[in-house]
């Protein structure tokens, strides 16, 4: 291709070269090399093709997709700029060929990616999620038999359910819609694993919300586990179902412990599932976060039995540190990491050790999240829990009252934003009132 003189390089020449660089960049990513240089060359080639003839929709699709892929790389220097360029290019593609499903699929991907970045930086992602949902549904109207569109729609509905929950709404209707989308994906492609895996994950999220509301998550865990084990049987070497299964069993183990029951069986099963996932995909930050949560529950269980050691907490911290190294801005990992430090500090106080370091680190994480999202209920609850542990360790009664008052303020604000958390956290409100000397 380089031997072709510049004067003879046509629209189709530049588009073909762009596709070559696209495949090259994909290969770079697969072998762990930096794909950004070849992504940039692909973009330049597609722009050159458009400069010669902007009429074909396909080259706009190629350009928009390439901008999206570059924006999705963690080392992209300007992801917001690339996402804006991707959106504009895909808008042009849809205008030129509204009957092509690909611009709708990648258009939804772009809006979903923008929403993820907004959530990470404390902005409201719901409008972008709505736009993503609309894009996927338009794509399904064009090609209802494409499982990718149904799976992508379901994933964004799960994200919208989380945003609804964070603001005190009921996530269940959106969970039902997500489940229906994944079932449609299975109908469209029953032999593909992804619809089965995603359906199982939707049920894992059902268990998460049941637990957060103070309900029994085990029925949802049982159904999720059955679906995910079927997905494992289809493709045993795919990490996704193992990771989701580990998350489901982690929820069950924490619930059993909270009810005063032995969590060892679900803990062992969760550990095995997460280990299986990490053997297949070592660099997944969400799986590493789940590993940290499993180890946190294990450390707490040992602390309750009087057999915990500092190494139990350090192992959990190591998993969270690896997750944050891969996704440093992820608020959910920061939140889970903070809960580990709360558990660690409570153990230190109960065993007569210095709780200063885990308290300080936990409060740093809580405050970092709250700096971006000051009314996120779970982050307020985390900080309140840490302040209560700090109050228990405080010898000065006036300082205890002050810490109790701060914890109570966080608890009241969290439950004001999301009253659905009240049943789970009511005992902590009572503890904060006692510490603050406030009337109950």
Protein backbone atom coordinates (compact mmCIF):
# COMPACT_ATOMS: atom_id res chain seq x y z
CA UNK A 1 0.00 0.00 0.00
CA UNK A 2 2.83 2.40 0.76
CA UNK A 3 4.10 1.92 -2.80
CA UNK A 4 0.97 3.57 -4.21
CA UNK A 5 1.73 7.17 -5.09
CA UNK A 6 -0.21 9.85 -3.15
CA UNK A 7 -1.88 10.98 -6.37
CA UNK A 8 -3.35 7.51 -6.89
CA UNK A 9 -4.68 7.02 -3.37
CA UNK A 10 -8.46 6.88 -3.67
CA UNK A 11 -11.28 6.92 -1.12
CA UNK A 12 -11.34 3.12 -1.12
CA UNK A 13 -7.55 2.99 -0.73
CA UNK A 14 -7.64 5.13 2.45
CA UNK A 15 -10.61 3.20 3.87
CA UNK A 16 -8.85 -0.13 3.28
CA UNK A 17 -5.66 1.14 4.94
CA UNK A 18 -7.78 2.33 7.87
CA UNK A 19 -9.29 -1.13 8.26
CA UNK A 20 -5.79 -2.65 8.24
CA UNK A 21 -4.69 -0.30 11.02
CA UNK A 22 -7.90 -1.16 12.92
CA UNK A 23 -7.09 -4.88 12.81
CA UNK A 24 -3.49 -4.10 13.78
CA UNK A 25 -4.66 -2.09 16.79
CA UNK A 26 -6.95 -4.95 17.85
CA UNK A 27 -3.97 -7.30 17.65
CA UNK A 28 -1.88 -4.88 19.73
CA UNK A 29 -4.55 -4.96 22.43
CA UNK A 30 -4.73 -8.76 22.38
CA UNK A 31 -1.00 -9.20 22.95
CA UNK A 32 -0.75 -6.44 25.58
CA UNK A 33 0.92 -3.84 23.33
CA UNK A 34 -0.21 -0.22 23.09
CA UNK A 35 -2.95 0.01 20.43
CA UNK A 36 -3.21 3.81 20.46
CA UNK A 37 -0.66 4.54 17.68
CA UNK A 38 -2.44 2.25 15.23
CA UNK A 39 -5.84 3.57 16.34
CA UNK A 40 -4.58 7.04 15.47
CA UNK A 41 -3.39 5.88 12.05
CA UNK A 42 -6.75 4.22 11.39
CA UNK A 43 -8.56 7.45 12.27
CA UNK A 44 -6.26 9.45 10.01
CA UNK A 45 -6.92 7.04 7.14
CA UNK A 46 -10.69 7.19 7.54
CA UNK A 47 -10.56 11.00 7.68
CA UNK A 48 -8.51 10.98 4.46
CA UNK A 49 -11.14 8.77 2.82
CA UNK A 50 -13.92 11.14 3.94
CA UNK A 51 -11.94 14.05 2.58
CA UNK A 52 -12.15 12.47 -0.88
CA UNK A 53 -15.77 11.30 -0.65
CA UNK A 54 -17.98 11.85 2.39
CA UNK A 55 -21.08 10.22 0.92
CA UNK A 56 -20.66 6.51 1.93
CA UNK A 57 -22.12 5.71 5.37
CA UNK A 58 -19.64 2.87 5.99
CA UNK A 59 -16.61 5.09 6.36
CA UNK A 60 -18.45 7.26 8.91
CA UNK A 61 -19.25 4.07 10.81
CA UNK A 62 -15.57 3.08 10.66
CA UNK A 63 -14.49 6.51 11.89
CA UNK A 64 -17.02 6.64 14.75
CA UNK A 65 -16.15 3.13 15.87
CA UNK A 66 -12.42 3.90 15.85
CA UNK A 67 -12.88 7.06 17.92
CA UNK A 68 -14.97 5.04 20.40
CA UNK A 69 -12.34 2.31 20.67
CA UNK A 70 -9.61 4.86 21.28
CA UNK A 71 -11.72 6.62 23.91
CA UNK A 72 -12.24 3.29 25.69
CA UNK A 73 -8.50 2.79 26.22
CA UNK A 74 -7.37 3.85 29.72
CA UNK A 75 -4.37 5.78 28.34
CA UNK A 76 -6.27 7.79 25.75
CA UNK A 77 -5.15 11.40 26.39
CA UNK A 78 -8.54 12.89 25.43
CA UNK A 79 -11.36 10.38 25.92
CA UNK A 80 -14.06 13.05 26.15
CA UNK A 81 -12.93 14.61 22.88
CA UNK A 82 -12.80 11.23 21.17
CA UNK A 83 -16.28 10.33 22.43
CA UNK A 84 -17.63 13.62 21.05
CA UNK A 85 -16.00 12.85 17.68
CA UNK A 86 -17.40 9.31 17.73
CA UNK A 87 -20.88 10.62 18.45
CA UNK A 88 -20.70 13.13 15.59
CA UNK A 89 -19.42 10.55 13.10
CA UNK A 90 -22.09 8.01 14.02
CA UNK A 91 -24.78 10.69 13.76
CA UNK A 92 -23.59 11.29 10.19
CA UNK A 93 -23.67 7.56 9.47
CA UNK A 94 -27.26 7.22 10.73
CA UNK A 95 -28.37 10.22 8.69
CA UNK A 96 -26.88 8.68 5.55
CA UNK A 97 -28.23 5.17 6.15
CA UNK A 98 -30.93 4.96 8.84
CA UNK A 99 -31.52 1.30 7.99
CA UNK A 100 -28.04 0.17 9.12
CA UNK A 101 -27.99 -1.25 12.67
CA UNK A 102 -24.27 -0.70 13.39
CA UNK A 103 -24.47 3.08 14.00
CA UNK A 104 -27.23 2.46 16.54
CA UNK A 105 -25.17 -0.17 18.35
CA UNK A 106 -22.02 1.95 18.55
CA UNK A 107 -24.06 5.08 19.17
CA UNK A 108 -25.45 3.36 22.25
CA UNK A 109 -21.94 2.29 23.23
CA UNK A 110 -20.75 5.89 23.01
CA UNK A 111 -23.58 7.21 25.20
CA UNK A 112 -23.03 4.39 27.70
CA UNK A 113 -19.32 5.21 27.86
CA UNK A 114 -20.04 8.90 28.40
CA UNK A 115 -22.45 7.91 31.19
CA UNK A 116 -19.76 5.78 32.86
CA UNK A 117 -17.34 8.70 32.83
CA UNK A 118 -20.01 11.01 34.23
CA UNK A 119 -20.77 8.61 37.08
CA UNK A 120 -17.07 8.30 37.87
CA UNK A 121 -16.71 12.08 38.07
CA UNK A 122 -19.83 12.73 40.11
CA UNK A 123 -22.13 13.94 37.32
CA UNK A 124 -25.64 12.68 36.62
CA UNK A 125 -25.37 9.97 33.92
CA UNK A 126 -29.09 9.32 33.54
CA UNK A 127 -29.66 11.48 30.44
CA UNK A 128 -26.82 9.74 28.59
CA UNK A 129 -28.13 6.34 29.70
CA UNK A 130 -31.54 7.27 28.32
CA UNK A 131 -29.92 8.19 25.00
CA UNK A 132 -28.07 4.86 24.96
CA UNK A 133 -31.32 2.99 25.63
CA UNK A 134 -32.98 4.86 22.78
CA UNK A 135 -30.14 4.03 20.38
CA UNK A 136 -30.25 0.32 21.19
CA UNK A 137 -34.02 0.20 20.84
CA UNK A 138 -33.83 1.90 17.45
CA UNK A 139 -31.21 -0.65 16.44
CA UNK A 140 -33.45 -3.50 17.58
CA UNK A 141 -36.26 -2.05 15.45
CA UNK A 142 -33.91 -2.28 12.46
CA UNK A 143 -32.57 -5.76 13.28
CA UNK A 144 -34.45 -7.52 16.10
CA UNK A 145 -32.48 -10.72 15.62
CA UNK A 146 -29.09 -9.28 16.64
CA UNK A 147 -28.19 -10.46 20.18
CA UNK A 148 -25.54 -7.75 20.63
CA UNK A 149 -28.22 -5.05 20.69
CA UNK A 150 -30.36 -6.90 23.26
CA UNK A 151 -27.35 -7.58 25.50
CA UNK A 152 -26.18 -3.97 25.27
CA UNK A 153 -29.69 -2.71 26.06
CA UNK A 154 -29.89 -4.95 29.12
CA UNK A 155 -26.50 -3.76 30.41
CA UNK A 156 -27.53 -0.09 30.19
CA UNK A 157 -30.83 -0.83 31.90
CA UNK A 158 -28.84 -2.33 34.79
CA UNK A 159 -26.81 0.89 34.95
CA UNK A 160 -30.01 2.95 34.97
CA UNK A 161 -31.37 0.74 37.77
CA UNK A 162 -28.29 1.60 39.85
CA UNK A 163 -28.77 5.32 39.26
CA UNK A 164 -32.43 5.00 40.23
CA UNK A 165 -31.48 3.15 43.41
CA UNK A 166 -28.84 5.72 44.34
CA UNK A 167 -31.54 8.40 44.30
CA UNK A 168 -34.03 6.45 46.39
CA UNK A 169 -36.07 4.97 43.56
CA UNK A 170 -37.19 1.40 42.97
CA UNK A 171 -34.74 -0.45 40.71
CA UNK A 172 -37.01 -3.47 40.20
CA UNK A 173 -38.90 -2.29 37.07
CA UNK A 174 -35.60 -1.58 35.31
CA UNK A 175 -34.20 -4.92 36.46
CA UNK A 176 -37.24 -6.60 34.93
CA UNK A 177 -36.65 -4.77 31.66
CA UNK A 178 -32.97 -5.78 31.69
CA UNK A 179 -33.91 -9.39 32.31
CA UNK A 180 -36.35 -9.27 29.37
CA UNK A 181 -33.60 -7.83 27.15
CA UNK A 182 -31.21 -10.64 28.05
CA UNK A 183 -33.93 -13.24 27.49
CA UNK A 184 -34.46 -11.70 24.04
CA UNK A 185 -30.72 -12.05 23.41
CA UNK A 186 -30.94 -15.74 24.33
CA UNK A 187 -33.92 -16.19 22.00
CA UNK A 188 -31.97 -14.52 19.19
CA UNK A 189 -28.84 -16.63 19.77
CA UNK A 190 -29.51 -19.53 22.17
CA UNK A 191 -26.07 -21.06 21.62
CA UNK A 192 -24.15 -17.90 22.53
CA UNK A 193 -23.00 -17.63 26.12
CA UNK A 194 -23.39 -13.88 26.60
CA UNK A 195 -27.16 -13.74 26.98
CA UNK A 196 -27.06 -16.52 29.60
CA UNK A 197 -24.20 -14.82 31.44
CA UNK A 198 -25.93 -11.45 31.41
CA UNK A 199 -29.22 -12.92 32.57
CA UNK A 200 -27.38 -14.48 35.50
CA UNK A 201 -25.75 -11.14 36.29
CA UNK A 202 -29.13 -9.37 36.27
CA UNK A 203 -30.22 -11.84 38.93
CA UNK A 204 -27.03 -11.12 40.89
CA UNK A 205 -28.01 -7.45 40.91
CA UNK A 206 -31.46 -8.46 42.16
CA UNK A 207 -29.74 -10.20 45.07
CA UNK A 208 -27.63 -7.07 45.69
CA UNK A 209 -30.71 -4.83 45.99
CA UNK A 210 -32.60 -7.37 48.09
CA UNK A 211 -29.69 -7.45 50.52
CA UNK A 212 -29.34 -3.66 50.55
CA UNK A 213 -33.05 -3.30 51.39
CA UNK A 214 -32.72 -5.73 54.28
CA UNK A 215 -34.48 -8.56 52.45
CA UNK A 216 -33.20 -12.12 52.07
CA UNK A 217 -30.98 -12.23 48.93
CA UNK A 218 -30.66 -16.03 48.91
CA UNK A 219 -33.59 -16.79 46.57
CA UNK A 220 -32.11 -14.51 43.90
CA UNK A 221 -28.64 -15.96 44.54
CA UNK A 222 -29.96 -19.49 44.00
CA UNK A 223 -31.60 -18.62 40.69
CA UNK A 224 -28.57 -16.59 39.55
CA UNK A 225 -26.21 -19.42 40.47
CA UNK A 226 -28.24 -21.94 38.46
CA UNK A 227 -28.22 -19.71 35.36
CA UNK A 228 -24.51 -18.91 35.70
CA UNK A 229 -23.52 -22.55 36.18
CA UNK A 230 -25.37 -23.36 32.95
CA UNK A 231 -23.32 -20.62 31.26
CA UNK A 232 -20.13 -22.15 32.68
CA UNK A 233 -21.13 -25.53 31.28
CA UNK A 234 -21.50 -23.97 27.81
CA UNK A 235 -18.04 -22.33 27.75
CA UNK A 236 -15.97 -23.32 30.81
CA UNK A 237 -12.98 -21.19 29.79
CA UNK A 238 -14.85 -17.86 29.70
CA UNK A 239 -14.19 -15.81 32.85
CA UNK A 240 -17.47 -13.87 32.96
CA UNK A 241 -19.87 -16.42 34.46
CA UNK A 242 -17.28 -17.42 37.06
CA UNK A 243 -16.86 -13.76 38.10
CA UNK A 244 -20.62 -13.19 38.36
CA UNK A 245 -21.05 -16.43 40.31
CA UNK A 246 -18.37 -15.28 42.74
CA UNK A 247 -20.20 -11.99 43.23
CA UNK A 248 -23.50 -13.78 43.90
CA UNK A 249 -21.96 -16.12 46.46
CA UNK A 250 -20.11 -13.21 48.08
CA UNK A 251 -23.47 -11.51 48.68
CA UNK A 252 -24.83 -14.71 50.23
CA UNK A 253 -21.79 -15.17 52.47
CA UNK A 254 -22.04 -11.61 53.81
CA UNK A 255 -25.76 -12.07 54.43
CA UNK A 256 -25.26 -15.34 56.31
CA UNK A 257 -22.69 -13.65 58.52
CA UNK A 258 -24.99 -10.69 59.19
CA UNK A 259 -27.67 -13.15 60.36
CA UNK A 260 -25.30 -14.84 62.79
CA UNK A 261 -24.89 -17.95 60.66
CA UNK A 262 -21.74 -19.70 59.48
CA UNK A 263 -20.73 -18.26 56.06
CA UNK A 264 -17.99 -20.78 55.37
CA UNK A 265 -19.75 -22.75 52.63
CA UNK A 266 -20.70 -19.76 50.41
CA UNK A 267 -17.34 -18.15 51.23
CA UNK A 268 -15.45 -21.20 50.01
CA UNK A 269 -17.61 -21.40 46.89
CA UNK A 270 -17.22 -17.66 46.21
CA UNK A 271 -13.45 -17.89 46.61
CA UNK A 272 -13.28 -20.85 44.21
CA UNK A 273 -15.44 -19.07 41.61
CA UNK A 274 -13.39 -15.85 41.77
CA UNK A 275 -10.15 -17.83 41.56
CA UNK A 276 -11.51 -19.57 38.45
CA UNK A 277 -12.41 -16.20 36.93
CA UNK A 278 -8.97 -14.74 37.64
CA UNK A 279 -7.22 -17.77 36.15
CA UNK A 280 -9.02 -16.95 32.92
CA UNK A 281 -8.77 -13.14 33.04
CA UNK A 282 -6.27 -11.84 35.60
CA UNK A 283 -6.67 -8.16 34.84
CA UNK A 284 -10.39 -7.59 35.40
CA UNK A 285 -10.87 -4.85 38.03
CA UNK A 286 -14.45 -5.85 38.88
CA UNK A 287 -13.38 -9.43 39.61
CA UNK A 288 -10.53 -8.17 41.77
CA UNK A 289 -13.03 -6.00 43.65
CA UNK A 290 -15.17 -9.06 44.27
CA UNK A 291 -12.09 -10.90 45.54
CA UNK A 292 -11.52 -8.04 47.98
CA UNK A 293 -15.14 -8.24 49.15
CA UNK A 294 -14.91 -12.01 49.66
CA UNK A 295 -11.72 -11.58 51.68
CA UNK A 296 -13.34 -8.79 53.71
CA UNK A 297 -16.21 -11.10 54.68
CA UNK A 298 -13.73 -13.85 55.52
CA UNK A 299 -11.73 -11.48 57.76
CA UNK A 300 -14.90 -10.30 59.48
CA UNK A 301 -16.03 -13.87 60.09
CA UNK A 302 -12.65 -14.71 61.63
CA UNK A 303 -12.82 -11.55 63.73
CA UNK A 304 -16.22 -12.56 65.11
CA UNK A 305 -14.81 -15.98 66.05
CA UNK A 306 -11.75 -14.36 67.62
CA UNK A 307 -9.34 -15.85 65.09
CA UNK A 308 -8.55 -12.92 62.80
CA UNK A 309 -5.03 -11.71 62.12
CA UNK A 310 -3.78 -8.56 60.45
CA UNK A 311 -2.78 -10.63 57.43
CA UNK A 312 -6.47 -11.38 56.74
CA UNK A 313 -7.14 -7.67 56.26
CA UNK A 314 -3.94 -7.10 54.33
CA UNK A 315 -4.89 -9.80 51.81
CA UNK A 316 -8.23 -8.09 51.19
CA UNK A 317 -6.48 -4.72 50.83
CA UNK A 318 -4.10 -6.21 48.27
CA UNK A 319 -7.04 -7.25 46.06
CA UNK A 320 -8.61 -3.79 46.24
CA UNK A 321 -5.27 -2.12 45.50
CA UNK A 322 -4.89 -4.23 42.35
CA UNK A 323 -8.43 -3.31 41.29
CA UNK A 324 -7.76 0.40 41.79
CA UNK A 325 -4.47 0.17 39.90
CA UNK A 326 -6.50 -0.96 36.88
CA UNK A 327 -9.49 1.38 37.43
CA UNK A 328 -8.24 4.16 39.73
CA UNK A 329 -11.40 6.29 39.51
CA UNK A 330 -13.96 3.54 40.10
CA UNK A 331 -16.22 4.75 42.94
CA UNK A 332 -17.63 1.29 43.68
CA UNK A 333 -14.16 -0.12 44.35
CA UNK A 334 -13.32 2.84 46.58
CA UNK A 335 -16.53 2.24 48.49
CA UNK A 336 -15.85 -1.49 48.95
CA UNK A 337 -12.25 -0.74 49.96
CA UNK A 338 -13.55 1.70 52.56
CA UNK A 339 -15.83 -1.00 53.98
CA UNK A 340 -12.78 -3.21 54.42
CA UNK A 341 -11.09 -0.48 56.48
CA UNK A 342 -14.25 -0.12 58.56
CA UNK A 343 -14.17 -3.86 59.30
CA UNK A 344 -10.43 -3.70 59.99
CA UNK A 345 -10.82 -0.74 62.37
CA UNK A 346 -13.68 -2.41 64.26
CA UNK A 347 -11.53 -5.52 64.74
CA UNK A 348 -8.60 -3.42 65.92
CA UNK A 349 -10.75 -1.60 68.51
CA UNK A 350 -12.29 -4.87 69.75
CA UNK A 351 -8.88 -6.52 70.09
CA UNK A 352 -7.27 -3.57 71.84
CA UNK A 353 -5.05 -2.54 68.92
CA UNK A 354 -4.46 0.83 67.30
CA UNK A 355 -7.26 1.51 64.81
CA UNK A 356 -5.79 4.83 63.65
CA UNK A 357 -4.40 3.66 60.32
CA UNK A 358 -7.48 1.79 58.97
CA UNK A 359 -9.75 4.57 60.22
CA UNK A 360 -7.66 7.22 58.49
CA UNK A 361 -7.48 5.29 55.22
CA UNK A 362 -11.17 4.45 55.27
CA UNK A 363 -12.16 8.06 55.89
CA UNK A 364 -9.87 9.18 53.08
CA UNK A 365 -11.65 6.86 50.66
CA UNK A 366 -15.11 7.90 51.86
CA UNK A 367 -14.24 11.58 51.58
CA UNK A 368 -12.78 11.10 48.10
CA UNK A 369 -16.02 9.57 46.88
CA UNK A 370 -18.16 12.17 48.64
CA UNK A 371 -16.13 15.00 47.14
CA UNK A 372 -17.51 13.96 43.74
CA UNK A 373 -20.90 12.64 44.90
CA UNK A 374 -21.82 14.37 48.17
CA UNK A 375 -25.24 12.73 48.45
CA UNK A 376 -24.36 9.17 47.50
CA UNK A 377 -26.14 7.24 50.28
CA UNK A 378 -23.73 4.28 50.44
CA UNK A 379 -20.75 6.63 50.77
CA UNK A 380 -22.49 8.55 53.57
CA UNK A 381 -23.21 5.25 55.31
CA UNK A 382 -19.57 4.20 54.97
CA UNK A 383 -18.34 7.41 56.55
CA UNK A 384 -20.94 7.13 59.31
CA UNK A 385 -19.79 3.58 60.08
CA UNK A 386 -16.16 4.68 60.29
CA UNK A 387 -17.05 7.60 62.57
CA UNK A 388 -18.96 5.25 64.88
CA UNK A 389 -15.93 2.97 65.16
CA UNK A 390 -13.76 6.01 65.83
CA UNK A 391 -16.22 7.13 68.50
CA UNK A 392 -16.08 3.75 70.23
CA UNK A 393 -12.31 4.05 70.45
CA UNK A 394 -12.39 7.65 71.70
CA UNK A 395 -11.84 8.13 75.42
CA UNK A 396 -12.99 11.74 75.60
CA UNK A 397 -16.77 11.97 76.07
CA UNK A 398 -17.07 15.31 74.29
CA UNK A 399 -15.18 13.93 71.31
CA UNK A 400 -17.44 10.88 71.36
CA UNK A 401 -20.53 13.08 71.21
CA UNK A 402 -19.06 15.07 68.32
CA UNK A 403 -18.23 11.92 66.37
CA UNK A 404 -21.67 10.49 67.09
CA UNK A 405 -23.27 13.69 65.89
CA UNK A 406 -21.31 13.63 62.64
CA UNK A 407 -22.19 9.96 62.10
CA UNK A 408 -25.85 10.68 62.79
CA UNK A 409 -25.85 13.53 60.26
CA UNK A 410 -24.43 11.24 57.59
CA UNK A 411 -26.91 8.47 58.42
CA UNK A 412 -29.88 10.82 58.38
CA UNK A 413 -28.85 12.30 55.03
CA UNK A 414 -28.25 8.87 53.49
CA UNK A 415 -31.66 7.59 54.59
CA UNK A 416 -33.34 10.81 53.50
CA UNK A 417 -31.98 10.31 49.97
CA UNK A 418 -32.71 6.56 49.93
CA UNK A 419 -35.27 5.54 52.58
CA UNK A 420 -35.15 1.98 51.19
CA UNK A 421 -31.92 1.50 53.16
CA UNK A 422 -33.61 2.19 56.51
CA UNK A 423 -34.33 -1.40 57.51
CA UNK A 424 -30.72 -2.42 56.99
CA UNK A 425 -29.20 0.59 58.74
CA UNK A 426 -31.70 1.38 61.51
CA UNK A 427 -29.46 -0.14 64.20
CA UNK A 428 -26.62 2.15 63.17
CA UNK A 429 -28.89 5.17 63.60
CA UNK A 430 -29.64 4.03 67.13
CA UNK A 431 -25.92 3.55 67.83
CA UNK A 432 -25.12 7.05 66.56
CA UNK A 433 -27.89 8.53 68.72
CA UNK A 434 -26.48 6.81 71.80
CA UNK A 435 -22.95 8.00 71.04
CA UNK A 436 -24.11 11.56 70.37
CA UNK A 437 -26.36 11.61 73.43
CA UNK A 438 -29.23 12.58 71.11
CA UNK A 439 -32.87 11.86 71.98
CA UNK A 440 -34.22 8.76 70.24
